[in-house]
Amino acid sequence: DPLVGEFRVHYAGFFDPGFGHAAAGGSGARAVPEVRSREVPFILEHGQTVGRLVYERMSERPKALYGEGLGSNYQGQGLKLSKHFRAFVPAA
């Protein structure tokens, strides 16, 4: 339904095995949802569900963990705004 609007910035899809895991050089990790409406007024209400994370146990340890010598971008990164945000510059 085109009247519903666009409710995503991008599709992440999956966390790679080892994301945030101490054995892969992480110290825990937070999943941060990025929500923006595209040309459709949209208000988030307190307690409103906007997404769902589903964790599944892997049947075995993968050969390589995210961050473990792979040059992974986000391992060990603290909270930060999406790359879509820019620094606020007050009007003169």
C-alpha atoms as a PDB file:
ATOM      1  CA  ASP A   1       0.000   0.000   0.000  1.00  0.00           C
ATOM      2  CA  PRO A   2       1.788   3.202  -1.138  1.00  0.00           C
ATOM      3  CA  LEU A   3      -0.122   5.276   1.433  1.00  0.00           C
ATOM      4  CA  VAL A   4       1.589   3.493   4.305  1.00  0.00           C
ATOM      5  CA  GLY A   5       4.958   5.096   3.514  1.00  0.00           C
ATOM      6  CA  GLU A   6       8.483   3.773   3.640  1.00  0.00           C
ATOM      7  CA  PHE A   7       9.525   2.471   7.047  1.00  0.00           C
ATOM      8  CA  ARG A   8      13.213   1.613   6.647  1.00  0.00           C
ATOM      9  CA  VAL A   9      16.599   3.182   6.088  1.00  0.00           C
ATOM     10  CA  HIS A  10      18.206   0.025   4.774  1.00  0.00           C
ATOM     11  CA  TYR A  11      17.924  -3.698   5.215  1.00  0.00           C
ATOM     12  CA  ALA A  12      20.458  -5.079   7.659  1.00  0.00           C
ATOM     13  CA  GLY A  13      18.923  -8.519   7.697  1.00  0.00           C
ATOM     14  CA  PHE A  14      21.325 -10.423   9.920  1.00  0.00           C
ATOM     15  CA  PHE A  15      23.958  -9.950  12.584  1.00  0.00           C
ATOM     16  CA  ASP A  16      27.085 -11.783  11.537  1.00  0.00           C
ATOM     17  CA  PRO A  17      28.258 -14.564  13.897  1.00  0.00           C
ATOM     18  CA  GLY A  18      30.473 -13.061  16.570  1.00  0.00           C
ATOM     19  CA  PHE A  19      29.091  -9.513  16.393  1.00  0.00           C
ATOM     20  CA  GLY A  20      29.787  -8.059  19.837  1.00  0.00           C
ATOM     21  CA  HIS A  21      31.202 -11.349  21.158  1.00  0.00           C
ATOM     22  CA  ALA A  22      34.258 -11.090  23.429  1.00  0.00           C
ATOM     23  CA  ALA A  23      36.008 -13.969  21.610  1.00  0.00           C
ATOM     24  CA  ALA A  24      35.902 -11.881  18.435  1.00  0.00           C
ATOM     25  CA  GLY A  25      37.277  -8.695  19.990  1.00  0.00           C
ATOM     26  CA  GLY A  26      33.948  -7.162  20.952  1.00  0.00           C
ATOM     27  CA  SER A  27      32.662  -6.067  24.324  1.00  0.00           C
ATOM     28  CA  GLY A  28      28.960  -6.585  23.769  1.00  0.00           C
ATOM     29  CA  ALA A  29      26.928  -4.833  21.135  1.00  0.00           C
ATOM     30  CA  ARG A  30      23.642  -2.983  20.895  1.00  0.00           C
ATOM     31  CA  ALA A  31      21.191  -3.221  18.059  1.00  0.00           C
ATOM     32  CA  VAL A  32      20.016   0.290  17.195  1.00  0.00           C
ATOM     33  CA  PRO A  33      16.933   0.658  15.001  1.00  0.00           C
ATOM     34  CA  GLU A  34      16.953   3.520  12.534  1.00  0.00           C
ATOM     35  CA  VAL A  35      13.447   4.784  11.837  1.00  0.00           C
ATOM     36  CA  ARG A  36      12.473   7.475   9.369  1.00  0.00           C
ATOM     37  CA  SER A  37       9.327   8.177   7.440  1.00  0.00           C
ATOM     38  CA  ARG A  38       9.467   9.189   3.797  1.00  0.00           C
ATOM     39  CA  GLU A  39       7.138  12.073   3.008  1.00  0.00           C
ATOM     40  CA  VAL A  40       4.409  10.587   5.219  1.00  0.00           C
ATOM     41  CA  PRO A  41       3.743  12.030   8.694  1.00  0.00           C
ATOM     42  CA  PHE A  42       4.525   9.329  11.217  1.00  0.00           C
ATOM     43  CA  ILE A  43       4.444   9.518  15.016  1.00  0.00           C
ATOM     44  CA  LEU A  44       5.849   6.858  17.311  1.00  0.00           C
ATOM     45  CA  GLU A  45       3.706   6.275  20.378  1.00  0.00           C
ATOM     46  CA  HIS A  46       5.043   5.120  23.750  1.00  0.00           C
ATOM     47  CA  GLY A  47       5.125   1.329  23.819  1.00  0.00           C
ATOM     48  CA  GLN A  48       4.536   0.980  20.072  1.00  0.00           C
ATOM     49  CA  THR A  49       6.226  -2.016  18.450  1.00  0.00           C
ATOM     50  CA  VAL A  50       8.460  -0.935  15.567  1.00  0.00           C
ATOM     51  CA  GLY A  51      10.413  -4.103  14.924  1.00  0.00           C
ATOM     52  CA  ARG A  52      11.533  -7.445  16.245  1.00  0.00           C
ATOM     53  CA  LEU A  53      14.881  -9.114  16.795  1.00  0.00           C
ATOM     54  CA  VAL A  54      14.950 -12.894  16.607  1.00  0.00           C
ATOM     55  CA  TYR A  55      18.004 -14.738  17.894  1.00  0.00           C
ATOM     56  CA  GLU A  56      18.718 -18.280  16.793  1.00  0.00           C
ATOM     57  CA  ARG A  57      21.322 -20.625  18.205  1.00  0.00           C
ATOM     58  CA  MET A  58      23.881 -21.806  15.664  1.00  0.00           C
ATOM     59  CA  SER A  59      24.478 -25.531  15.337  1.00  0.00           C
ATOM     60  CA  GLU A  60      28.265 -25.055  15.490  1.00  0.00           C
ATOM     61  CA  ARG A  61      30.859 -22.324  15.876  1.00  0.00           C
ATOM     62  CA  PRO A  62      31.639 -20.691  12.510  1.00  0.00           C
ATOM     63  CA  LYS A  63      35.144 -20.868  11.051  1.00  0.00           C
ATOM     64  CA  ALA A  64      35.507 -17.081  11.361  1.00  0.00           C
ATOM     65  CA  LEU A  65      33.764 -14.710  13.743  1.00  0.00           C
ATOM     66  CA  TYR A  66      32.799 -11.163  12.816  1.00  0.00           C
ATOM     67  CA  GLY A  67      35.621  -8.895  13.932  1.00  0.00           C
ATOM     68  CA  GLU A  68      38.180 -11.669  14.414  1.00  0.00           C
ATOM     69  CA  GLY A  69      40.973 -10.368  12.181  1.00  0.00           C
ATOM     70  CA  LEU A  70      38.540  -9.579   9.355  1.00  0.00           C
ATOM     71  CA  GLY A  71      38.766  -5.784   9.535  1.00  0.00           C
ATOM     72  CA  SER A  72      35.093  -5.618  10.515  1.00  0.00           C
ATOM     73  CA  ASN A  73      33.720  -2.071  10.631  1.00  0.00           C
ATOM     74  CA  TYR A  74      31.422  -2.132  13.628  1.00  0.00           C
ATOM     75  CA  GLN A  75      33.094  -4.464  16.143  1.00  0.00           C
ATOM     76  CA  GLY A  76      33.898  -2.574  19.344  1.00  0.00           C
ATOM     77  CA  GLN A  77      32.110   0.557  18.160  1.00  0.00           C
ATOM     78  CA  GLY A  78      30.083   2.389  20.791  1.00  0.00           C
ATOM     79  CA  LEU A  79      26.717   3.971  20.138  1.00  0.00           C
ATOM     80  CA  LYS A  80      26.727   6.570  17.397  1.00  0.00           C
ATOM     81  CA  LEU A  81      24.253   8.191  15.070  1.00  0.00           C
ATOM     82  CA  SER A  82      23.620   6.806  11.633  1.00  0.00           C
ATOM     83  CA  LYS A  83      25.738   8.134   8.779  1.00  0.00           C
ATOM     84  CA  HIS A  84      22.551   9.838   7.566  1.00  0.00           C
ATOM     85  CA  PHE A  85      22.829  12.427  10.364  1.00  0.00           C
ATOM     86  CA  ARG A  86      25.053  15.480  10.172  1.00  0.00           C
ATOM     87  CA  ALA A  87      26.266  17.812  12.895  1.00  0.00           C
ATOM     88  CA  PHE A  88      23.783  20.548  13.811  1.00  0.00           C
ATOM     89  CA  VAL A  89      24.927  24.012  12.723  1.00  0.00           C
ATOM     90  CA  PRO A  90      22.822  26.811  14.267  1.00  0.00           C
ATOM     91  CA  ALA A  91      21.614  29.559  11.941  1.00  0.00           C
ATOM     92  CA  ALA A  92      23.591  32.782  12.200  1.00  0.00           C
END
